[in-house]
Amino acid sequence: ILLSPAPAMAYGLGKANDRLASYGLPPLANVANGYSALAEIYGKGANRSPLLVAFSFPLDWVVTLPSQDVNGEDGTIQAGEYAKGDTATFFVVPDEKKAENIQEKGKEFYKNSLIS
């Protein structure tokens, strides 16, 4: 009997929670069945400020991470099923102040913050 090998998982709930624990943060919980998890540092290059990004995504989606070279970091953290056009993209709004209450932000904030 031939068995198909399990797909190699570069990400997953265990690895994401290990990374969160290494920073003293609580683990991700309640990741839906059929989803994987990611915890990755955005801003490893000298040209960005580091942020820890964590989210879940469908198991069959492809993850893309920023590239690093001598000029710094380029790109973003993204997961998607590109054939269908479904993606989740991490996007940093430049020069925005902390939003104490996101519900109080006006239309201009969302116009400049959301991408489609």
C-alpha atoms as a PDB file:
ATOM      1  CA  ILE A   1       0.000   0.000   0.000  1.00  0.00           C
ATOM      2  CA  LEU A   2       1.413   3.367  -1.013  1.00  0.00           C
ATOM      3  CA  LEU A   3       0.782   6.275   1.283  1.00  0.00           C
ATOM      4  CA  SER A   4       1.013   9.892   0.287  1.00  0.00           C
ATOM      5  CA  PRO A   5       3.492  11.857   2.382  1.00  0.00           C
ATOM      6  CA  ALA A   6       2.105  14.666   4.506  1.00  0.00           C
ATOM      7  CA  PRO A   7       2.778  18.107   3.035  1.00  0.00           C
ATOM      8  CA  ALA A   8       5.715  19.982   4.536  1.00  0.00           C
ATOM      9  CA  MET A   9       4.398  22.663   6.842  1.00  0.00           C
ATOM     10  CA  ALA A  10       6.656  25.692   7.097  1.00  0.00           C
ATOM     11  CA  TYR A  11       4.100  27.280   9.410  1.00  0.00           C
ATOM     12  CA  GLY A  12       1.544  26.010  11.831  1.00  0.00           C
ATOM     13  CA  LEU A  13      -0.079  26.639  15.170  1.00  0.00           C
ATOM     14  CA  GLY A  14       2.745  24.960  17.108  1.00  0.00           C
ATOM     15  CA  LYS A  15       5.470  26.993  15.414  1.00  0.00           C
ATOM     16  CA  ALA A  16       3.461  30.222  15.708  1.00  0.00           C
ATOM     17  CA  ASN A  17       2.827  29.628  19.410  1.00  0.00           C
ATOM     18  CA  ASP A  18       6.504  28.756  19.985  1.00  0.00           C
ATOM     19  CA  ARG A  19       7.487  32.081  18.472  1.00  0.00           C
ATOM     20  CA  LEU A  20       4.903  33.968  20.548  1.00  0.00           C
ATOM     21  CA  ALA A  21       6.091  32.195  23.707  1.00  0.00           C
ATOM     22  CA  SER A  22       9.702  33.189  22.918  1.00  0.00           C
ATOM     23  CA  TYR A  23       8.550  36.821  23.252  1.00  0.00           C
ATOM     24  CA  GLY A  24       6.587  36.114  26.439  1.00  0.00           C
ATOM     25  CA  LEU A  25       3.234  36.472  24.671  1.00  0.00           C
ATOM     26  CA  PRO A  26       0.153  34.268  25.065  1.00  0.00           C
ATOM     27  CA  PRO A  27      -0.496  31.583  22.434  1.00  0.00           C
ATOM     28  CA  LEU A  28      -2.965  31.865  19.587  1.00  0.00           C
ATOM     29  CA  ALA A  29      -6.178  30.101  20.506  1.00  0.00           C
ATOM     30  CA  ASN A  30      -9.316  29.057  18.677  1.00  0.00           C
ATOM     31  CA  VAL A  31      -7.696  28.657  15.247  1.00  0.00           C
ATOM     32  CA  ALA A  32     -10.478  27.215  13.108  1.00  0.00           C
ATOM     33  CA  ASN A  33     -10.294  23.693  11.732  1.00  0.00           C
ATOM     34  CA  GLY A  34      -8.759  23.789   8.250  1.00  0.00           C
ATOM     35  CA  TYR A  35      -6.604  26.814   9.099  1.00  0.00           C
ATOM     36  CA  SER A  36      -2.926  27.233   9.886  1.00  0.00           C
ATOM     37  CA  ALA A  37      -1.238  29.978  11.891  1.00  0.00           C
ATOM     38  CA  LEU A  38       1.698  32.285  11.347  1.00  0.00           C
ATOM     39  CA  ALA A  39       3.741  34.461  13.705  1.00  0.00           C
ATOM     40  CA  GLU A  40       6.437  36.402  11.882  1.00  0.00           C
ATOM     41  CA  ILE A  41       8.527  39.528  12.423  1.00  0.00           C
ATOM     42  CA  TYR A  42       7.846  42.330   9.935  1.00  0.00           C
ATOM     43  CA  GLY A  43      10.638  44.892   9.890  1.00  0.00           C
ATOM     44  CA  LYS A  44      13.817  42.871  10.219  1.00  0.00           C
ATOM     45  CA  GLY A  45      15.649  45.287   7.912  1.00  0.00           C
ATOM     46  CA  ALA A  46      17.252  48.536   9.061  1.00  0.00           C
ATOM     47  CA  ASN A  47      14.744  50.461   6.918  1.00  0.00           C
ATOM     48  CA  ARG A  48      11.722  49.374   9.064  1.00  0.00           C
ATOM     49  CA  SER A  49      10.655  49.189  12.682  1.00  0.00           C
ATOM     50  CA  PRO A  50      10.007  45.608  13.813  1.00  0.00           C
ATOM     51  CA  LEU A  51       6.457  44.403  14.468  1.00  0.00           C
ATOM     52  CA  LEU A  52       5.323  40.918  15.428  1.00  0.00           C
ATOM     53  CA  VAL A  53       2.467  39.857  13.129  1.00  0.00           C
ATOM     54  CA  ALA A  54       0.293  36.831  13.955  1.00  0.00           C
ATOM     55  CA  PHE A  55      -2.769  35.553  12.096  1.00  0.00           C
ATOM     56  CA  SER A  56      -4.449  32.399  10.825  1.00  0.00           C
ATOM     57  CA  PHE A  57      -5.135  31.477   7.207  1.00  0.00           C
ATOM     58  CA  PRO A  58      -6.629  28.536   5.246  1.00  0.00           C
ATOM     59  CA  LEU A  59      -4.308  25.530   4.997  1.00  0.00           C
ATOM     60  CA  ASP A  60      -4.106  25.625   1.187  1.00  0.00           C
ATOM     61  CA  TRP A  61      -2.993  29.265   1.009  1.00  0.00           C
ATOM     62  CA  VAL A  62       0.593  30.194   0.099  1.00  0.00           C
ATOM     63  CA  VAL A  63       2.552  32.460   2.474  1.00  0.00           C
ATOM     64  CA  THR A  64       4.844  35.196   1.162  1.00  0.00           C
ATOM     65  CA  LEU A  65       7.328  36.943   3.448  1.00  0.00           C
ATOM     66  CA  PRO A  66       9.385  40.099   2.894  1.00  0.00           C
ATOM     67  CA  SER A  67      12.745  39.702   1.177  1.00  0.00           C
ATOM     68  CA  GLN A  68      15.982  40.906   2.750  1.00  0.00           C
ATOM     69  CA  ASP A  69      18.955  42.348   0.898  1.00  0.00           C
ATOM     70  CA  VAL A  70      21.696  44.955   1.372  1.00  0.00           C
ATOM     71  CA  ASN A  71      19.151  47.732   0.856  1.00  0.00           C
ATOM     72  CA  GLY A  72      16.918  46.494   3.687  1.00  0.00           C
ATOM     73  CA  GLU A  73      13.576  44.777   3.659  1.00  0.00           C
ATOM     74  CA  ASP A  74      11.118  44.793   0.769  1.00  0.00           C
ATOM     75  CA  GLY A  75       7.599  43.405   0.558  1.00  0.00           C
ATOM     76  CA  THR A  76       5.087  42.392   3.192  1.00  0.00           C
ATOM     77  CA  ILE A  77       3.603  39.379   4.951  1.00  0.00           C
ATOM     78  CA  GLN A  78       0.840  37.874   2.864  1.00  0.00           C
ATOM     79  CA  ALA A  79      -1.108  34.627   2.569  1.00  0.00           C
ATOM     80  CA  GLY A  80      -3.362  33.796  -0.316  1.00  0.00           C
ATOM     81  CA  GLU A  81      -4.850  31.485  -2.860  1.00  0.00           C
ATOM     82  CA  TYR A  82      -3.696  33.484  -5.832  1.00  0.00           C
ATOM     83  CA  ALA A  83      -5.624  31.512  -8.456  1.00  0.00           C
ATOM     84  CA  LYS A  84      -8.879  32.698  -6.874  1.00  0.00           C
ATOM     85  CA  GLY A  85      -7.583  36.139  -5.938  1.00  0.00           C
ATOM     86  CA  ASP A  86      -8.153  35.576  -2.211  1.00  0.00           C
ATOM     87  CA  THR A  87      -5.461  37.130  -0.027  1.00  0.00           C
ATOM     88  CA  ALA A  88      -4.766  38.454   3.434  1.00  0.00           C
ATOM     89  CA  THR A  89      -2.058  41.115   3.366  1.00  0.00           C
ATOM     90  CA  PHE A  90      -0.350  42.830   6.291  1.00  0.00           C
ATOM     91  CA  PHE A  91      -0.239  46.560   5.569  1.00  0.00           C
ATOM     92  CA  VAL A  92       1.377  49.278   7.696  1.00  0.00           C
ATOM     93  CA  VAL A  93      -0.191  52.715   7.550  1.00  0.00           C
ATOM     94  CA  PRO A  94       2.750  55.146   7.568  1.00  0.00           C
ATOM     95  CA  ASP A  95       2.874  58.027  10.040  1.00  0.00           C
ATOM     96  CA  GLU A  96      -0.433  57.238  11.758  1.00  0.00           C
ATOM     97  CA  LYS A  97      -0.844  57.983  15.412  1.00  0.00           C
ATOM     98  CA  LYS A  98      -2.129  55.302  17.746  1.00  0.00           C
ATOM     99  CA  ALA A  99      -5.891  54.809  17.406  1.00  0.00           C
ATOM    100  CA  GLU A 100      -7.322  54.650  20.919  1.00  0.00           C
ATOM    101  CA  ASN A 101     -10.792  53.901  19.544  1.00  0.00           C
ATOM    102  CA  ILE A 102     -10.910  52.688  15.939  1.00  0.00           C
ATOM    103  CA  GLN A 103     -14.670  53.324  15.800  1.00  0.00           C
ATOM    104  CA  GLU A 104     -14.050  57.055  16.214  1.00  0.00           C
ATOM    105  CA  LYS A 105     -11.811  57.300  13.146  1.00  0.00           C
ATOM    106  CA  GLY A 106     -13.264  59.158  10.175  1.00  0.00           C
ATOM    107  CA  LYS A 107     -13.682  58.059   6.552  1.00  0.00           C
ATOM    108  CA  GLU A 108     -10.310  59.539   5.554  1.00  0.00           C
ATOM    109  CA  PHE A 109      -8.512  57.111   7.885  1.00  0.00           C
ATOM    110  CA  TYR A 110     -10.146  54.107   6.221  1.00  0.00           C
ATOM    111  CA  LYS A 111      -9.684  55.554   2.746  1.00  0.00           C
ATOM    112  CA  ASN A 112      -5.925  55.749   3.370  1.00  0.00           C
ATOM    113  CA  SER A 113      -5.667  52.497   5.325  1.00  0.00           C
ATOM    114  CA  LEU A 114      -7.601  49.873   3.382  1.00  0.00           C
ATOM    115  CA  ILE A 115      -6.443  48.294   0.156  1.00  0.00           C
ATOM    116  CA  SER A 116      -8.534  46.247  -2.207  1.00  0.00           C
END
